[in-house]
Amino acid sequence: MKLTTIRTLTLAALAVASLSACAPLVVGGAVVGTALVTTDRRTTGTQVEDTGIETKATYRIRQALGSRTNINAQAFNRVLLLTGEVRNDADKAEAERIAAGVENVIRVVNEIEVGFISSLTSRSNDLVLAGKIKATLIDARDLQSNAFDVVVERGEVYLMGLVTEREAHRATELIRGIPGVKKVVRVLEVISEEELARRVPPRPSAEQSK
């Protein structure tokens, strides 16, 4: 690997990490930043389950299919998203079968691409793009950026999270306007404004916080 490529990847990773103190960005299977448990809209138990789902799915798929594939697993509220690349349809189907057998998974969304395995350059570009997406969501005053998990593969953006229709639409429109984004795929669980209010207690006013 060229030194310039290593430097580019390192700087991109640091840039994304500095932006993502609240919400994870998932690029090429690597999570950059960690969601704060106290601000996550999932229950603590579900967060633990999702972590276990990702770990088990990743391990089992790699054990079965080895290094001939590049498959990434991301779980949110027990929905498991598979992205990346495989060489043939058989490997794609096998990965989905394995993922569906992981404990606590309620649904598998198989977005694996059949074709050539992505290059280091492509994954580096995804990392930089993920940083731009995170910055855009943070800058949007009408969105809670850590309500979204963002997965980037080959310039295609996958959104996961527990959000309202308004939040889903707003985030989608913002991300579509970012240069380099090829498409936005919503793997979101849409909840009502009433449900959101039950999950997220209102912030105390300035007077109450004194």
Protein backbone atom coordinates (compact mmCIF):
# COMPACT_ATOMS: atom_id res chain seq x y z
CA MET A 1 0.00 0.00 0.00
CA LYS A 2 1.39 3.42 -0.92
CA LEU A 3 2.29 5.81 1.90
CA THR A 4 0.04 8.51 0.44
CA THR A 5 -2.91 6.12 0.50
CA ILE A 6 -2.24 5.20 4.13
CA ARG A 7 -1.99 8.87 5.05
CA THR A 8 -5.26 9.64 3.26
CA LEU A 9 -7.08 6.83 5.06
CA THR A 10 -5.68 7.85 8.41
CA LEU A 11 -6.64 11.50 8.01
CA ALA A 12 -10.11 10.56 6.81
CA ALA A 13 -10.62 8.24 9.77
CA LEU A 14 -9.51 10.94 12.21
CA ALA A 15 -11.79 13.48 10.58
CA VAL A 16 -14.81 11.20 10.80
CA ALA A 17 -14.00 10.18 14.36
CA SER A 18 -13.82 13.80 15.44
CA LEU A 19 -17.28 14.38 13.99
CA SER A 20 -18.96 11.31 15.35
CA ALA A 21 -18.98 11.48 19.10
CA CYS A 22 -22.65 10.49 19.13
CA ALA A 23 -23.61 8.46 16.08
CA PRO A 24 -21.75 5.60 14.45
CA LEU A 25 -20.71 5.71 10.82
CA VAL A 26 -20.16 2.31 9.30
CA VAL A 27 -17.85 2.11 6.31
CA GLY A 28 -16.47 -1.16 5.00
CA GLY A 29 -17.52 -2.90 8.20
CA ALA A 30 -15.65 -0.53 10.52
CA VAL A 31 -17.62 1.54 12.99
CA VAL A 32 -16.22 5.04 13.44
CA GLY A 33 -17.42 6.54 16.70
CA THR A 34 -19.80 5.04 19.27
CA ALA A 35 -23.43 5.94 19.92
CA LEU A 36 -24.10 7.17 23.41
CA VAL A 37 -26.33 4.64 25.12
CA THR A 38 -28.21 7.34 26.98
CA THR A 39 -29.30 9.12 23.79
CA ASP A 40 -30.05 6.05 21.68
CA ARG A 41 -33.73 5.58 20.87
CA ARG A 42 -33.41 1.82 21.27
CA THR A 43 -33.64 0.22 24.69
CA THR A 44 -30.35 -0.73 26.32
CA GLY A 45 -31.26 -4.40 25.92
CA THR A 46 -31.86 -3.98 22.19
CA GLN A 47 -28.53 -2.18 21.77
CA VAL A 48 -26.77 -5.12 23.40
CA GLU A 49 -28.68 -7.55 21.18
CA ASP A 50 -27.75 -5.57 18.05
CA THR A 51 -24.07 -5.67 18.97
CA GLY A 52 -24.29 -9.43 19.44
CA ILE A 53 -26.11 -9.84 16.12
CA GLU A 54 -23.41 -7.94 14.23
CA THR A 55 -20.58 -9.88 15.89
CA LYS A 56 -22.14 -13.29 15.30
CA ALA A 57 -23.23 -12.56 11.72
CA THR A 58 -19.80 -11.20 10.76
CA TYR A 59 -17.95 -14.14 12.30
CA ARG A 60 -20.22 -16.84 10.87
CA ILE A 61 -20.24 -15.38 7.37
CA ARG A 62 -16.45 -15.05 7.31
CA GLN A 63 -16.05 -18.59 8.62
CA ALA A 64 -18.30 -19.92 5.87
CA LEU A 65 -17.26 -17.78 2.90
CA GLY A 66 -13.72 -16.78 3.81
CA SER A 67 -11.73 -13.99 2.19
CA ARG A 68 -13.31 -14.29 -1.26
CA THR A 69 -16.06 -11.88 -0.18
CA ASN A 70 -16.30 -8.43 1.38
CA ILE A 71 -19.48 -8.51 3.48
CA ASN A 72 -20.41 -6.07 6.22
CA ALA A 73 -23.17 -6.57 8.78
CA GLN A 74 -24.93 -3.74 10.61
CA ALA A 75 -27.84 -4.32 12.99
CA PHE A 76 -30.38 -1.82 14.24
CA ASN A 77 -33.39 -2.80 16.33
CA ARG A 78 -32.74 -6.44 15.36
CA VAL A 79 -32.92 -5.69 11.63
CA LEU A 80 -29.69 -6.88 10.01
CA LEU A 81 -28.34 -5.06 6.96
CA LEU A 82 -25.83 -6.86 4.75
CA THR A 83 -23.72 -4.80 2.36
CA GLY A 84 -20.49 -5.28 0.43
CA GLU A 85 -19.58 -7.53 -2.47
CA VAL A 86 -19.46 -11.20 -3.43
CA ARG A 87 -18.37 -12.97 -6.59
CA ASN A 88 -21.60 -14.86 -7.30
CA ASP A 89 -25.27 -15.24 -6.46
CA ALA A 90 -24.65 -18.42 -4.47
CA ASP A 91 -22.42 -16.60 -1.98
CA LYS A 92 -24.98 -13.81 -1.66
CA ALA A 93 -27.74 -16.29 -0.89
CA GLU A 94 -25.54 -18.19 1.56
CA ALA A 95 -24.67 -15.00 3.43
CA GLU A 96 -28.35 -14.18 3.80
CA ARG A 97 -29.15 -17.70 5.00
CA ILE A 98 -26.43 -17.50 7.65
CA ALA A 99 -27.53 -14.03 8.75
CA ALA A 100 -31.16 -15.10 9.09
CA GLY A 101 -30.07 -17.88 11.44
CA VAL A 102 -28.40 -15.52 13.92
CA GLU A 103 -30.20 -15.34 17.25
CA ASN A 104 -32.59 -12.36 17.75
CA VAL A 105 -32.62 -11.31 14.07
CA ILE A 106 -36.14 -10.43 12.96
CA ARG A 107 -35.35 -9.42 9.37
CA VAL A 108 -32.41 -9.47 6.97
CA VAL A 109 -32.00 -6.73 4.35
CA ASN A 110 -29.62 -8.14 1.76
CA GLU A 111 -27.98 -5.31 -0.22
CA ILE A 112 -24.86 -7.28 -1.17
CA GLU A 113 -23.58 -6.53 -4.67
CA VAL A 114 -22.62 -9.40 -6.96
CA GLY A 115 -19.46 -8.54 -8.91
CA PHE A 116 -15.95 -7.33 -8.27
CA ILE A 117 -14.74 -6.77 -4.72
CA SER A 118 -14.40 -3.04 -3.96
CA SER A 119 -10.92 -1.53 -4.05
CA LEU A 120 -9.06 0.25 -1.27
CA THR A 121 -9.58 3.51 -3.14
CA SER A 122 -13.33 2.95 -3.24
CA ARG A 123 -13.45 2.24 0.49
CA SER A 124 -11.35 5.32 1.20
CA ASN A 125 -13.78 7.43 -0.81
CA ASP A 126 -16.66 5.94 1.18
CA LEU A 127 -14.94 6.91 4.42
CA VAL A 128 -14.53 10.52 3.31
CA LEU A 129 -18.13 10.63 2.08
CA ALA A 130 -19.35 9.26 5.41
CA GLY A 131 -17.60 12.14 7.16
CA LYS A 132 -19.40 14.65 4.95
CA ILE A 133 -22.74 12.97 5.65
CA LYS A 134 -22.20 13.04 9.39
CA ALA A 135 -21.20 16.71 9.30
CA THR A 136 -24.32 17.51 7.29
CA LEU A 137 -26.60 15.75 9.77
CA ILE A 138 -24.92 17.48 12.71
CA ASP A 139 -25.34 20.89 11.04
CA ALA A 140 -29.07 20.29 10.52
CA ARG A 141 -30.62 21.95 13.57
CA ASP A 142 -33.96 20.19 13.02
CA LEU A 143 -32.45 16.68 13.20
CA GLN A 144 -30.96 14.57 15.97
CA SER A 145 -27.91 13.28 14.14
CA ASN A 146 -27.37 10.31 16.44
CA ALA A 147 -30.82 8.99 15.56
CA PHE A 148 -29.29 7.66 12.33
CA ASP A 149 -26.81 4.91 11.57
CA VAL A 150 -25.12 5.58 8.24
CA VAL A 151 -23.59 2.83 6.12
CA VAL A 152 -21.69 3.80 2.95
CA GLU A 153 -20.78 1.33 0.20
CA ARG A 154 -19.46 2.39 -3.21
CA GLY A 155 -21.06 5.81 -2.84
CA GLU A 156 -24.43 4.31 -1.95
CA VAL A 157 -25.79 5.41 1.42
CA TYR A 158 -27.91 3.20 3.67
CA LEU A 159 -29.82 4.86 6.51
CA MET A 160 -30.90 2.94 9.60
CA GLY A 161 -32.64 4.24 12.69
CA LEU A 162 -35.85 4.85 14.62
CA VAL A 163 -37.12 8.12 13.15
CA THR A 164 -40.28 9.95 12.23
CA GLU A 165 -41.38 10.40 8.62
CA ARG A 166 -40.34 14.05 8.84
CA GLU A 167 -36.85 13.11 10.02
CA ALA A 168 -36.52 10.41 7.37
CA HIS A 169 -37.52 12.77 4.57
CA ARG A 170 -35.32 15.60 5.80
CA ALA A 171 -32.21 13.42 6.20
CA THR A 172 -32.76 11.79 2.81
CA GLU A 173 -33.04 15.13 1.03
CA LEU A 174 -29.94 16.51 2.75
CA ILE A 175 -27.83 13.46 1.92
CA ARG A 176 -28.97 13.33 -1.70
CA GLY A 177 -27.55 16.82 -2.16
CA ILE A 178 -24.03 15.82 -1.09
CA PRO A 179 -21.60 15.39 -4.03
CA GLY A 180 -20.53 11.78 -4.46
CA VAL A 181 -23.75 10.22 -3.15
CA LYS A 182 -25.12 7.88 -5.81
CA LYS A 183 -28.34 6.96 -4.02
CA VAL A 184 -29.92 6.80 -0.58
CA VAL A 185 -31.54 3.57 0.60
CA ARG A 186 -33.82 3.90 3.62
CA VAL A 187 -33.62 0.91 5.96
CA LEU A 188 -35.44 2.92 8.58
CA GLU A 189 -38.10 2.08 11.13
CA VAL A 190 -40.57 4.96 10.94
CA ILE A 191 -42.37 5.90 14.14
CA SER A 192 -45.00 8.53 14.91
CA GLU A 193 -44.27 11.84 16.57
CA GLU A 194 -46.20 10.54 19.60
CA GLU A 195 -44.01 7.45 19.80
CA LEU A 196 -40.90 9.61 19.51
CA ALA A 197 -42.10 11.77 22.41
CA ARG A 198 -42.51 8.63 24.52
CA ARG A 199 -39.03 7.40 23.66
CA VAL A 200 -37.21 10.72 24.02
CA PRO A 201 -38.11 12.75 27.14
CA PRO A 202 -38.26 16.52 26.57
CA ARG A 203 -35.14 18.46 27.43
CA PRO A 204 -35.34 20.57 30.60
CA SER A 205 -35.76 24.29 30.09
CA ALA A 206 -33.12 26.79 31.12
CA GLU A 207 -35.15 27.63 34.24
CA GLN A 208 -35.50 23.96 35.22
CA SER A 209 -31.78 23.32 34.81
CA LYS A 210 -30.80 26.08 37.25
